Amino acid sequence: MGAEGSYLQLYLTSRPPLPRMPQPIEDLLADCRRGRPAAQRELYERLAYRLMGVCLRYCPSRAEAEDALQTAFVKIFTRLDQYRGQGPFEAWARRIAVTTALNSYHQHRQRAPQVEYDEATDVPHPDGTPLDQLSAEEVVTLINTLPLGYRTVLNLYAIEGYSHQEIGEMLGISEGTSKSQLSRARRLLEERLLANNKYTLP
């Protein structure tokens, strides 16, 4: 074997192994349904970061969000047979995480009666607000400073994409109150921006 051949052999035997291709979601779910721990661990690693973000948006504390995340995964693994492949699996799992986190939210409301909703009122909201000038990270940080009731409605509507009717059913409030909370949440965010003199209204 010539010098070029020996160099090629050295390269092939010394280079690090190629990264393992992720398993297709359908195969991964099939293995999870069979109860294979490696598949369950891989599914957890794929979804945990994003679902933790969901739980943090609705739970009053990080500790409760971590508990909600674990409960959500228990539900996901035990309800896999209910997933029929209609739509992305992550969206299905995300709905379970939202519902689980909202259970923590309801428990917090029972412990802290001050978390209440205002009566439904029509609060107009102009187009072109200081919020439009913020990055996504800044918006999330600012949303987390809102009272729990405002924050929950804003997240469900603006981030999760639920309608006001759906939000009302999930939170036990009227559709009009949900609309009012959304408007008040946005207005409060703008007021906090203006109070810090970070942006000015056009």
N, C-alpha and C. Protein backbone atom coordinates (compact mmCIF):
# COMPACT_ATOMS: atom_id res chain seq x y z
N MET A 1 0.87 -1.20 0.00
CA MET A 1 0.00 0.00 0.00
C MET A 1 0.89 1.23 0.00
N GLY A 2 0.62 2.19 -0.88
CA GLY A 2 1.43 3.38 -0.97
C GLY A 2 1.17 4.33 0.19
N ALA A 3 1.89 5.46 0.15
CA ALA A 3 1.77 6.46 1.22
C ALA A 3 0.37 7.02 1.29
N GLU A 4 -0.24 7.29 0.10
CA GLU A 4 -1.60 7.84 0.10
C GLU A 4 -2.58 6.87 0.73
N GLY A 5 -2.39 5.57 0.43
CA GLY A 5 -3.27 4.57 1.00
C GLY A 5 -3.14 4.48 2.51
N SER A 6 -1.93 4.58 3.01
CA SER A 6 -1.74 4.50 4.46
C SER A 6 -2.32 5.70 5.16
N TYR A 7 -2.19 6.89 4.51
CA TYR A 7 -2.79 8.09 5.10
C TYR A 7 -4.31 7.96 5.18
N LEU A 8 -4.93 7.40 4.11
CA LEU A 8 -6.37 7.23 4.09
C LEU A 8 -6.81 6.25 5.18
N GLN A 9 -6.05 5.15 5.33
CA GLN A 9 -6.39 4.18 6.37
C GLN A 9 -6.28 4.81 7.75
N LEU A 10 -5.23 5.62 7.96
CA LEU A 10 -5.06 6.29 9.24
C LEU A 10 -6.22 7.24 9.51
N TYR A 11 -6.67 7.96 8.45
CA TYR A 11 -7.79 8.90 8.60
C TYR A 11 -9.07 8.17 8.96
N LEU A 12 -9.34 7.07 8.28
CA LEU A 12 -10.58 6.34 8.50
C LEU A 12 -10.63 5.70 9.88
N THR A 13 -9.47 5.32 10.41
CA THR A 13 -9.46 4.65 11.71
C THR A 13 -9.34 5.62 12.87
N SER A 14 -8.90 6.87 12.61
CA SER A 14 -8.66 7.79 13.71
C SER A 14 -9.73 8.87 13.85
N ARG A 15 -10.52 9.11 12.81
CA ARG A 15 -11.50 10.18 12.90
C ARG A 15 -12.62 9.78 13.88
N PRO A 16 -13.23 10.77 14.55
CA PRO A 16 -14.32 10.44 15.48
C PRO A 16 -15.53 9.91 14.74
N PRO A 17 -16.34 9.10 15.39
CA PRO A 17 -17.52 8.55 14.72
C PRO A 17 -18.51 9.66 14.36
N LEU A 18 -19.23 9.45 13.27
CA LEU A 18 -20.24 10.43 12.86
C LEU A 18 -21.35 10.48 13.90
N PRO A 19 -21.93 11.66 14.12
CA PRO A 19 -23.03 11.74 15.10
C PRO A 19 -24.21 10.89 14.66
N ARG A 20 -24.83 10.27 15.63
CA ARG A 20 -25.97 9.40 15.33
C ARG A 20 -27.16 10.23 14.88
N MET A 21 -27.76 9.82 13.77
CA MET A 21 -28.94 10.53 13.26
C MET A 21 -30.10 10.31 14.22
N PRO A 22 -30.86 11.38 14.50
CA PRO A 22 -32.01 11.19 15.40
C PRO A 22 -33.02 10.24 14.80
N GLN A 23 -33.61 9.45 15.64
CA GLN A 23 -34.60 8.48 15.20
C GLN A 23 -35.86 9.20 14.72
N PRO A 24 -36.45 8.78 13.60
CA PRO A 24 -37.71 9.40 13.16
C PRO A 24 -38.75 9.34 14.27
N ILE A 25 -39.56 10.38 14.40
CA ILE A 25 -40.49 10.48 15.52
C ILE A 25 -41.46 9.30 15.56
N GLU A 26 -41.89 8.81 14.39
CA GLU A 26 -42.83 7.69 14.38
C GLU A 26 -42.19 6.44 15.00
N ASP A 27 -40.93 6.18 14.65
CA ASP A 27 -40.23 5.01 15.20
C ASP A 27 -39.96 5.21 16.70
N LEU A 28 -39.63 6.44 17.05
CA LEU A 28 -39.35 6.73 18.46
C LEU A 28 -40.60 6.52 19.31
N LEU A 29 -41.74 6.99 18.82
CA LEU A 29 -42.99 6.81 19.56
C LEU A 29 -43.37 5.33 19.65
N ALA A 30 -43.10 4.59 18.59
CA ALA A 30 -43.39 3.15 18.62
C ALA A 30 -42.56 2.46 19.70
N ASP A 31 -41.30 2.86 19.82
CA ASP A 31 -40.45 2.28 20.86
C ASP A 31 -40.90 2.71 22.25
N CYS A 32 -41.37 3.95 22.36
CA CYS A 32 -41.88 4.42 23.65
C CYS A 32 -43.11 3.63 24.06
N ARG A 33 -43.98 3.33 23.10
CA ARG A 33 -45.17 2.55 23.41
C ARG A 33 -44.81 1.14 23.87
N ARG A 34 -43.66 0.66 23.41
CA ARG A 34 -43.21 -0.66 23.85
C ARG A 34 -42.53 -0.60 25.22
N GLY A 35 -42.42 0.62 25.76
CA GLY A 35 -41.84 0.78 27.09
C GLY A 35 -40.33 0.73 27.11
N ARG A 36 -39.67 1.06 26.01
CA ARG A 36 -38.21 1.01 25.98
C ARG A 36 -37.62 2.27 26.62
N PRO A 37 -36.84 2.11 27.69
CA PRO A 37 -36.31 3.26 28.42
C PRO A 37 -35.47 4.20 27.57
N ALA A 38 -34.66 3.66 26.67
CA ALA A 38 -33.80 4.51 25.84
C ALA A 38 -34.64 5.44 24.97
N ALA A 39 -35.74 4.92 24.43
CA ALA A 39 -36.61 5.75 23.60
C ALA A 39 -37.31 6.81 24.44
N GLN A 40 -37.77 6.42 25.63
CA GLN A 40 -38.41 7.39 26.51
C GLN A 40 -37.45 8.51 26.90
N ARG A 41 -36.20 8.13 27.16
CA ARG A 41 -35.19 9.13 27.51
C ARG A 41 -34.94 10.07 26.33
N GLU A 42 -34.86 9.53 25.12
CA GLU A 42 -34.63 10.37 23.95
C GLU A 42 -35.80 11.33 23.71
N LEU A 43 -37.03 10.83 23.88
CA LEU A 43 -38.18 11.70 23.70
C LEU A 43 -38.18 12.81 24.74
N TYR A 44 -37.84 12.46 25.97
CA TYR A 44 -37.76 13.47 27.03
C TYR A 44 -36.73 14.53 26.67
N GLU A 45 -35.56 14.11 26.20
CA GLU A 45 -34.50 15.07 25.86
C GLU A 45 -34.90 15.96 24.70
N ARG A 46 -35.69 15.43 23.78
CA ARG A 46 -36.12 16.23 22.63
C ARG A 46 -37.10 17.33 23.04
N LEU A 47 -37.96 17.03 24.01
CA LEU A 47 -39.07 17.93 24.31
C LEU A 47 -38.91 18.73 25.60
N ALA A 48 -38.05 18.28 26.51
CA ALA A 48 -38.02 18.84 27.87
C ALA A 48 -37.76 20.34 27.88
N TYR A 49 -36.82 20.82 27.08
CA TYR A 49 -36.46 22.24 27.13
C TYR A 49 -37.65 23.11 26.74
N ARG A 50 -38.30 22.75 25.62
CA ARG A 50 -39.42 23.58 25.14
C ARG A 50 -40.63 23.47 26.07
N LEU A 51 -40.91 22.27 26.57
CA LEU A 51 -42.06 22.12 27.45
C LEU A 51 -41.82 22.78 28.81
N MET A 52 -40.57 22.85 29.23
CA MET A 52 -40.26 23.56 30.47
C MET A 52 -40.57 25.04 30.29
N GLY A 53 -40.30 25.57 29.11
CA GLY A 53 -40.65 26.96 28.84
C GLY A 53 -42.14 27.19 28.94
N VAL A 54 -42.93 26.22 28.48
CA VAL A 54 -44.39 26.32 28.59
C VAL A 54 -44.80 26.35 30.06
N CYS A 55 -44.26 25.43 30.85
CA CYS A 55 -44.63 25.36 32.26
C CYS A 55 -44.23 26.61 33.02
N LEU A 56 -43.08 27.18 32.69
CA LEU A 56 -42.64 28.39 33.37
C LEU A 56 -43.57 29.56 33.11
N ARG A 57 -44.23 29.57 31.95
CA ARG A 57 -45.12 30.69 31.63
C ARG A 57 -46.40 30.68 32.46
N TYR A 58 -46.80 29.52 32.96
CA TYR A 58 -48.09 29.43 33.66
C TYR A 58 -47.97 29.11 35.14
N CYS A 59 -46.86 28.56 35.57
CA CYS A 59 -46.71 28.21 36.98
C CYS A 59 -46.16 29.39 37.77
N PRO A 60 -46.60 29.55 39.01
CA PRO A 60 -46.17 30.69 39.83
C PRO A 60 -44.69 30.67 40.19
N SER A 61 -44.03 29.51 40.18
CA SER A 61 -42.64 29.43 40.56
C SER A 61 -41.93 28.38 39.71
N ARG A 62 -40.59 28.44 39.70
CA ARG A 62 -39.83 27.46 38.94
C ARG A 62 -40.01 26.05 39.51
N ALA A 63 -40.06 25.94 40.83
CA ALA A 63 -40.23 24.62 41.45
C ALA A 63 -41.55 23.99 41.00
N GLU A 64 -42.62 24.79 40.95
CA GLU A 64 -43.92 24.26 40.50
C GLU A 64 -43.88 23.95 39.01
N ALA A 65 -43.11 24.73 38.25
CA ALA A 65 -42.97 24.44 36.82
C ALA A 65 -42.24 23.12 36.60
N GLU A 66 -41.22 22.85 37.40
CA GLU A 66 -40.50 21.59 37.28
C GLU A 66 -41.41 20.41 37.64
N ASP A 67 -42.23 20.59 38.68
CA ASP A 67 -43.19 19.53 39.04
C ASP A 67 -44.20 19.31 37.92
N ALA A 68 -44.67 20.41 37.34
CA ALA A 68 -45.64 20.31 36.24
C ALA A 68 -45.03 19.61 35.04
N LEU A 69 -43.74 19.90 34.76
CA LEU A 69 -43.07 19.25 33.63
C LEU A 69 -43.02 17.74 33.82
N GLN A 70 -42.65 17.31 35.02
CA GLN A 70 -42.58 15.87 35.27
C GLN A 70 -43.96 15.22 35.16
N THR A 71 -44.97 15.90 35.69
CA THR A 71 -46.33 15.37 35.59
C THR A 71 -46.78 15.30 34.13
N ALA A 72 -46.42 16.32 33.36
CA ALA A 72 -46.79 16.35 31.94
C ALA A 72 -46.16 15.16 31.21
N PHE A 73 -44.92 14.85 31.50
CA PHE A 73 -44.27 13.72 30.81
C PHE A 73 -44.89 12.38 31.23
N VAL A 74 -45.29 12.27 32.47
CA VAL A 74 -45.99 11.06 32.88
C VAL A 74 -47.26 10.89 32.05
N LYS A 75 -48.01 11.99 31.88
CA LYS A 75 -49.23 11.94 31.07
C LYS A 75 -48.91 11.63 29.61
N ILE A 76 -47.85 12.23 29.09
CA ILE A 76 -47.48 11.99 27.69
C ILE A 76 -47.18 10.51 27.47
N PHE A 77 -46.36 9.93 28.35
CA PHE A 77 -45.97 8.53 28.17
C PHE A 77 -47.14 7.58 28.37
N THR A 78 -48.06 7.91 29.27
CA THR A 78 -49.19 7.01 29.53
C THR A 78 -50.34 7.20 28.55
N ARG A 79 -50.30 8.29 27.77
CA ARG A 79 -51.39 8.57 26.83
C ARG A 79 -50.94 8.49 25.37
N LEU A 80 -49.79 7.88 25.10
CA LEU A 80 -49.28 7.84 23.73
C LEU A 80 -50.26 7.19 22.77
N ASP A 81 -51.04 6.24 23.26
CA ASP A 81 -52.01 5.58 22.37
C ASP A 81 -53.11 6.53 21.93
N GLN A 82 -53.27 7.66 22.63
CA GLN A 82 -54.29 8.63 22.25
C GLN A 82 -53.82 9.55 21.12
N TYR A 83 -52.52 9.56 20.85
CA TYR A 83 -52.01 10.38 19.75
C TYR A 83 -52.24 9.64 18.44
N ARG A 84 -53.05 10.24 17.57
CA ARG A 84 -53.46 9.57 16.33
C ARG A 84 -52.68 10.05 15.11
N GLY A 85 -51.65 10.87 15.32
CA GLY A 85 -50.88 11.34 14.19
C GLY A 85 -51.51 12.49 13.44
N GLN A 86 -52.55 13.08 14.01
CA GLN A 86 -53.21 14.22 13.37
C GLN A 86 -52.55 15.50 13.87
N GLY A 87 -51.60 16.00 13.09
CA GLY A 87 -50.83 17.16 13.49
C GLY A 87 -49.52 16.74 14.13
N PRO A 88 -48.59 17.69 14.31
CA PRO A 88 -47.28 17.36 14.88
C PRO A 88 -47.40 16.81 16.30
N PHE A 89 -46.55 15.84 16.61
CA PHE A 89 -46.57 15.27 17.96
C PHE A 89 -46.24 16.32 19.01
N GLU A 90 -45.29 17.21 18.70
CA GLU A 90 -44.90 18.21 19.69
C GLU A 90 -46.08 19.11 20.07
N ALA A 91 -46.94 19.42 19.09
CA ALA A 91 -48.11 20.25 19.40
C ALA A 91 -49.04 19.50 20.35
N TRP A 92 -49.19 18.19 20.13
CA TRP A 92 -50.02 17.36 21.02
C TRP A 92 -49.44 17.35 22.43
N ALA A 93 -48.13 17.16 22.53
CA ALA A 93 -47.47 17.14 23.84
C ALA A 93 -47.54 18.51 24.50
N ARG A 94 -47.45 19.56 23.71
CA ARG A 94 -47.49 20.92 24.25
C ARG A 94 -48.84 21.21 24.90
N ARG A 95 -49.92 20.72 24.29
CA ARG A 95 -51.25 20.93 24.87
C ARG A 95 -51.36 20.25 26.23
N ILE A 96 -50.75 19.07 26.35
CA ILE A 96 -50.74 18.39 27.65
C ILE A 96 -49.97 19.22 28.67
N ALA A 97 -48.84 19.79 28.25
CA ALA A 97 -48.04 20.61 29.17
C ALA A 97 -48.82 21.86 29.61
N VAL A 98 -49.51 22.49 28.67
CA VAL A 98 -50.30 23.68 29.01
C VAL A 98 -51.38 23.33 30.03
N THR A 99 -52.12 22.24 29.76
CA THR A 99 -53.19 21.83 30.68
C THR A 99 -52.64 21.49 32.06
N THR A 100 -51.52 20.81 32.09
CA THR A 100 -50.91 20.42 33.36
C THR A 100 -50.45 21.65 34.14
N ALA A 101 -49.81 22.59 33.43
CA ALA A 101 -49.35 23.81 34.09
C ALA A 101 -50.52 24.65 34.59
N LEU A 102 -51.62 24.66 33.85
CA LEU A 102 -52.80 25.41 34.29
C LEU A 102 -53.40 24.81 35.55
N ASN A 103 -53.25 23.50 35.74
CA ASN A 103 -53.70 22.91 37.00
C ASN A 103 -52.95 23.52 38.17
N SER A 104 -51.65 23.75 37.99
CA SER A 104 -50.85 24.40 39.03
C SER A 104 -51.32 25.83 39.23
N TYR A 105 -51.68 26.48 38.13
CA TYR A 105 -52.19 27.85 38.21
C TYR A 105 -53.49 27.90 39.02
N HIS A 106 -54.40 26.96 38.76
CA HIS A 106 -55.67 26.94 39.49
C HIS A 106 -55.44 26.66 40.98
N GLN A 107 -54.50 25.78 41.27
CA GLN A 107 -54.20 25.51 42.68
C GLN A 107 -53.64 26.75 43.35
N HIS A 108 -52.84 27.53 42.62
CA HIS A 108 -52.30 28.76 43.17
C HIS A 108 -53.42 29.76 43.44
N ARG A 109 -54.39 29.82 42.55
CA ARG A 109 -55.52 30.74 42.76
C ARG A 109 -56.30 30.36 44.01
N GLN A 110 -56.42 29.07 44.28
CA GLN A 110 -57.13 28.64 45.48
C GLN A 110 -56.36 29.00 46.75
N ARG A 111 -55.03 28.94 46.65
CA ARG A 111 -54.21 29.30 47.82
C ARG A 111 -54.10 30.81 47.98
N ALA A 112 -54.19 31.54 46.83
CA ALA A 112 -54.01 33.00 46.87
C ALA A 112 -55.20 33.65 46.19
N PRO A 113 -56.29 33.90 46.93
CA PRO A 113 -57.51 34.45 46.35
C PRO A 113 -57.32 35.80 45.67
N GLN A 114 -56.19 36.48 45.92
CA GLN A 114 -56.00 37.80 45.31
C GLN A 114 -55.79 37.71 43.80
N VAL A 115 -55.52 36.49 43.30
CA VAL A 115 -55.39 36.33 41.85
C VAL A 115 -56.78 36.29 41.25
N GLU A 116 -57.29 37.43 40.87
CA GLU A 116 -58.64 37.53 40.35
C GLU A 116 -58.64 38.24 39.01
N TYR A 117 -59.79 38.19 38.36
CA TYR A 117 -59.95 38.84 37.07
C TYR A 117 -60.88 40.03 37.21
N ASP A 118 -60.56 41.08 36.46
CA ASP A 118 -61.43 42.24 36.43
C ASP A 118 -62.70 41.91 35.66
N GLU A 119 -63.73 42.70 35.90
CA GLU A 119 -64.94 42.55 35.11
C GLU A 119 -64.64 42.88 33.65
N ALA A 120 -65.35 42.22 32.76
CA ALA A 120 -65.12 42.44 31.35
C ALA A 120 -65.48 43.86 30.96
N THR A 121 -64.54 44.52 30.37
CA THR A 121 -64.77 45.86 29.82
C THR A 121 -64.06 45.96 28.50
N ASP A 122 -64.51 46.85 27.67
CA ASP A 122 -63.92 47.03 26.36
C ASP A 122 -62.79 48.05 26.48
N VAL A 123 -61.54 47.58 26.38
CA VAL A 123 -60.39 48.47 26.47
C VAL A 123 -59.73 48.52 25.10
N PRO A 124 -59.91 49.62 24.36
CA PRO A 124 -59.34 49.68 23.02
C PRO A 124 -57.82 49.68 23.08
N HIS A 125 -57.22 49.11 22.03
CA HIS A 125 -55.76 49.04 21.98
C HIS A 125 -55.29 49.55 20.62
N PRO A 126 -54.52 50.65 20.57
CA PRO A 126 -54.08 51.20 19.29
C PRO A 126 -53.02 50.33 18.65
N ASP A 127 -52.90 50.45 17.34
CA ASP A 127 -51.84 49.75 16.63
C ASP A 127 -50.53 50.51 16.81
N GLY A 128 -49.44 49.78 16.62
CA GLY A 128 -48.14 50.41 16.70
C GLY A 128 -47.80 50.80 18.12
N THR A 129 -47.38 49.86 18.95
CA THR A 129 -47.10 50.13 20.35
C THR A 129 -45.62 49.92 20.62
N PRO A 130 -45.13 50.37 21.79
CA PRO A 130 -43.73 50.13 22.12
C PRO A 130 -43.36 48.66 22.15
N LEU A 131 -44.35 47.79 22.41
CA LEU A 131 -44.05 46.36 22.44
C LEU A 131 -43.52 45.86 21.10
N ASP A 132 -43.94 46.51 20.02
CA ASP A 132 -43.50 46.08 18.70
C ASP A 132 -42.01 46.29 18.50
N GLN A 133 -41.37 47.09 19.35
CA GLN A 133 -39.95 47.39 19.20
C GLN A 133 -39.06 46.45 20.01
N LEU A 134 -39.66 45.55 20.78
CA LEU A 134 -38.90 44.67 21.65
C LEU A 134 -38.52 43.38 20.95
N SER A 135 -37.41 42.78 21.38
CA SER A 135 -37.04 41.45 20.92
C SER A 135 -37.93 40.44 21.63
N ALA A 136 -37.95 39.20 21.11
CA ALA A 136 -38.77 38.15 21.72
C ALA A 136 -38.34 37.91 23.17
N GLU A 137 -37.05 37.91 23.42
CA GLU A 137 -36.55 37.67 24.78
C GLU A 137 -36.99 38.77 25.73
N GLU A 138 -36.95 40.02 25.26
CA GLU A 138 -37.36 41.14 26.10
C GLU A 138 -38.86 41.07 26.41
N VAL A 139 -39.64 40.65 25.41
CA VAL A 139 -41.09 40.54 25.62
C VAL A 139 -41.39 39.49 26.68
N VAL A 140 -40.72 38.32 26.59
CA VAL A 140 -40.95 37.25 27.56
C VAL A 140 -40.58 37.71 28.96
N THR A 141 -39.44 38.39 29.09
CA THR A 141 -39.01 38.89 30.39
C THR A 141 -40.03 39.87 30.96
N LEU A 142 -40.54 40.74 30.11
CA LEU A 142 -41.50 41.74 30.57
C LEU A 142 -42.84 41.09 30.92
N ILE A 143 -43.27 40.12 30.13
CA ILE A 143 -44.53 39.42 30.42
C ILE A 143 -44.47 38.76 31.79
N ASN A 144 -43.31 38.24 32.16
CA ASN A 144 -43.18 37.55 33.45
C ASN A 144 -43.33 38.48 34.64
N THR A 145 -43.33 39.80 34.41
CA THR A 145 -43.53 40.75 35.51
C THR A 145 -45.01 41.06 35.73
N LEU A 146 -45.87 40.58 34.84
CA LEU A 146 -47.30 40.87 34.97
C LEU A 146 -47.93 40.06 36.09
N PRO A 147 -49.04 40.56 36.65
CA PRO A 147 -49.82 39.73 37.59
C PRO A 147 -50.20 38.41 36.92
N LEU A 148 -50.34 37.38 37.71
CA LEU A 148 -50.54 36.02 37.19
C LEU A 148 -51.75 35.93 36.26
N GLY A 149 -52.86 36.57 36.62
CA GLY A 149 -54.06 36.48 35.78
C GLY A 149 -53.84 37.08 34.40
N TYR A 150 -53.26 38.28 34.35
CA TYR A 150 -52.98 38.94 33.08
C TYR A 150 -52.01 38.09 32.24
N ARG A 151 -50.95 37.63 32.91
CA ARG A 151 -49.91 36.88 32.21
C ARG A 151 -50.47 35.61 31.60
N THR A 152 -51.36 34.94 32.33
CA THR A 152 -51.90 33.68 31.84
C THR A 152 -52.73 33.88 30.59
N VAL A 153 -53.61 34.87 30.59
CA VAL A 153 -54.44 35.13 29.41
C VAL A 153 -53.58 35.55 28.23
N LEU A 154 -52.60 36.41 28.47
CA LEU A 154 -51.74 36.88 27.38
C LEU A 154 -50.97 35.72 26.76
N ASN A 155 -50.42 34.85 27.59
CA ASN A 155 -49.68 33.71 27.07
C ASN A 155 -50.57 32.76 26.28
N LEU A 156 -51.75 32.46 26.84
CA LEU A 156 -52.65 31.53 26.15
C LEU A 156 -53.08 32.06 24.80
N TYR A 157 -53.31 33.37 24.73
CA TYR A 157 -53.81 33.96 23.49
C TYR A 157 -52.68 34.22 22.49
N ALA A 158 -51.65 34.95 22.94
CA ALA A 158 -50.62 35.42 22.02
C ALA A 158 -49.57 34.37 21.69
N ILE A 159 -49.29 33.46 22.62
CA ILE A 159 -48.23 32.48 22.39
C ILE A 159 -48.79 31.11 22.01
N GLU A 160 -49.80 30.64 22.75
CA GLU A 160 -50.35 29.31 22.46
C GLU A 160 -51.38 29.34 21.35
N GLY A 161 -51.99 30.50 21.09
CA GLY A 161 -52.92 30.61 19.98
C GLY A 161 -54.34 30.19 20.28
N TYR A 162 -54.72 30.12 21.57
CA TYR A 162 -56.10 29.77 21.91
C TYR A 162 -57.02 30.96 21.67
N SER A 163 -58.27 30.67 21.35
CA SER A 163 -59.26 31.73 21.18
C SER A 163 -59.74 32.19 22.55
N HIS A 164 -60.43 33.34 22.57
CA HIS A 164 -60.95 33.83 23.85
C HIS A 164 -62.01 32.89 24.42
N GLN A 165 -62.76 32.25 23.54
CA GLN A 165 -63.75 31.28 24.03
C GLN A 165 -63.06 30.10 24.71
N GLU A 166 -61.98 29.60 24.09
CA GLU A 166 -61.24 28.48 24.67
C GLU A 166 -60.59 28.89 25.99
N ILE A 167 -60.04 30.10 26.02
CA ILE A 167 -59.39 30.58 27.24
C ILE A 167 -60.42 30.68 28.37
N GLY A 168 -61.60 31.20 28.04
CA GLY A 168 -62.65 31.31 29.04
C GLY A 168 -63.00 29.95 29.64
N GLU A 169 -63.09 28.94 28.77
CA GLU A 169 -63.42 27.59 29.25
C GLU A 169 -62.29 27.02 30.10
N MET A 170 -61.05 27.30 29.73
CA MET A 170 -59.91 26.75 30.46
C MET A 170 -59.75 27.40 31.83
N LEU A 171 -60.07 28.69 31.92
CA LEU A 171 -59.83 29.43 33.15
C LEU A 171 -61.09 29.65 33.98
N GLY A 172 -62.23 29.28 33.42
CA GLY A 172 -63.48 29.49 34.15
C GLY A 172 -63.92 30.94 34.19
N ILE A 173 -63.68 31.67 33.11
CA ILE A 173 -64.08 33.07 33.01
C ILE A 173 -64.88 33.24 31.72
N SER A 174 -65.50 34.41 31.56
CA SER A 174 -66.27 34.65 30.34
C SER A 174 -65.33 35.03 29.19
N GLU A 175 -65.84 34.88 27.99
CA GLU A 175 -65.07 35.26 26.81
C GLU A 175 -64.75 36.75 26.83
N GLY A 176 -65.71 37.56 27.26
CA GLY A 176 -65.48 39.00 27.34
C GLY A 176 -64.41 39.36 28.35
N THR A 177 -64.38 38.65 29.46
CA THR A 177 -63.36 38.91 30.46
C THR A 177 -61.98 38.54 29.93
N SER A 178 -61.91 37.48 29.16
CA SER A 178 -60.63 37.11 28.55
C SER A 178 -60.14 38.23 27.63
N LYS A 179 -61.04 38.76 26.83
CA LYS A 179 -60.65 39.86 25.93
C LYS A 179 -60.19 41.07 26.73
N SER A 180 -60.90 41.36 27.80
CA SER A 180 -60.54 42.50 28.64
C SER A 180 -59.16 42.30 29.27
N GLN A 181 -58.90 41.08 29.76
CA GLN A 181 -57.61 40.81 30.38
C GLN A 181 -56.47 40.96 29.39
N LEU A 182 -56.69 40.55 28.16
CA LEU A 182 -55.66 40.70 27.13
C LEU A 182 -55.35 42.17 26.89
N SER A 183 -56.38 42.97 26.75
CA SER A 183 -56.18 44.40 26.52
C SER A 183 -55.48 45.06 27.71
N ARG A 184 -55.90 44.70 28.91
CA ARG A 184 -55.29 45.29 30.10
C ARG A 184 -53.85 44.84 30.27
N ALA A 185 -53.56 43.60 29.91
CA ALA A 185 -52.19 43.11 30.00
C ALA A 185 -51.28 43.89 29.06
N ARG A 186 -51.73 44.08 27.83
CA ARG A 186 -50.93 44.83 26.87
C ARG A 186 -50.75 46.28 27.32
N ARG A 187 -51.81 46.87 27.84
CA ARG A 187 -51.71 48.25 28.29
C ARG A 187 -50.73 48.38 29.46
N LEU A 188 -50.78 47.42 30.39
CA LEU A 188 -49.88 47.45 31.53
C LEU A 188 -48.43 47.29 31.09
N LEU A 189 -48.20 46.43 30.10
CA LEU A 189 -46.84 46.27 29.58
C LEU A 189 -46.32 47.59 29.00
N GLU A 190 -47.18 48.28 28.26
CA GLU A 190 -46.79 49.56 27.68
C GLU A 190 -46.50 50.60 28.76
N GLU A 191 -47.33 50.61 29.78
CA GLU A 191 -47.12 51.57 30.87
C GLU A 191 -45.78 51.33 31.55
N ARG A 192 -45.41 50.06 31.71
CA ARG A 192 -44.14 49.76 32.36
C ARG A 192 -42.96 50.14 31.47
N LEU A 193 -43.14 49.98 30.18
CA LEU A 193 -42.10 50.42 29.25
C LEU A 193 -41.90 51.92 29.32
N LEU A 194 -43.02 52.64 29.29
CA LEU A 194 -42.94 54.10 29.32
C LEU A 194 -42.41 54.60 30.65
N ALA A 195 -42.74 53.89 31.74
CA ALA A 195 -42.26 54.31 33.06
C ALA A 195 -40.75 54.22 33.15
N ASN A 196 -40.18 53.29 32.40
CA ASN A 196 -38.72 53.14 32.40
C ASN A 196 -38.05 54.00 31.34
N ASN A 197 -38.88 54.77 30.61
CA ASN A 197 -38.38 55.66 29.56
C ASN A 197 -37.56 54.92 28.51
N LYS A 198 -37.92 53.65 28.28
CA LYS A 198 -37.16 52.89 27.30
C LYS A 198 -37.65 53.16 25.89
N TYR A 199 -38.94 53.36 25.75
CA TYR A 199 -39.50 53.63 24.44
C TYR A 199 -40.52 54.76 24.58
N THR A 200 -40.84 55.37 23.50
CA THR A 200 -41.86 56.39 23.49
C THR A 200 -42.91 56.01 22.47
N LEU A 201 -44.13 56.34 22.78
CA LEU A 201 -45.20 56.06 21.84
C LEU A 201 -45.05 56.92 20.59
N PRO A 202 -45.44 56.43 19.42
CA PRO A 202 -45.34 57.24 18.21
C PRO A 202 -46.32 58.42 18.26
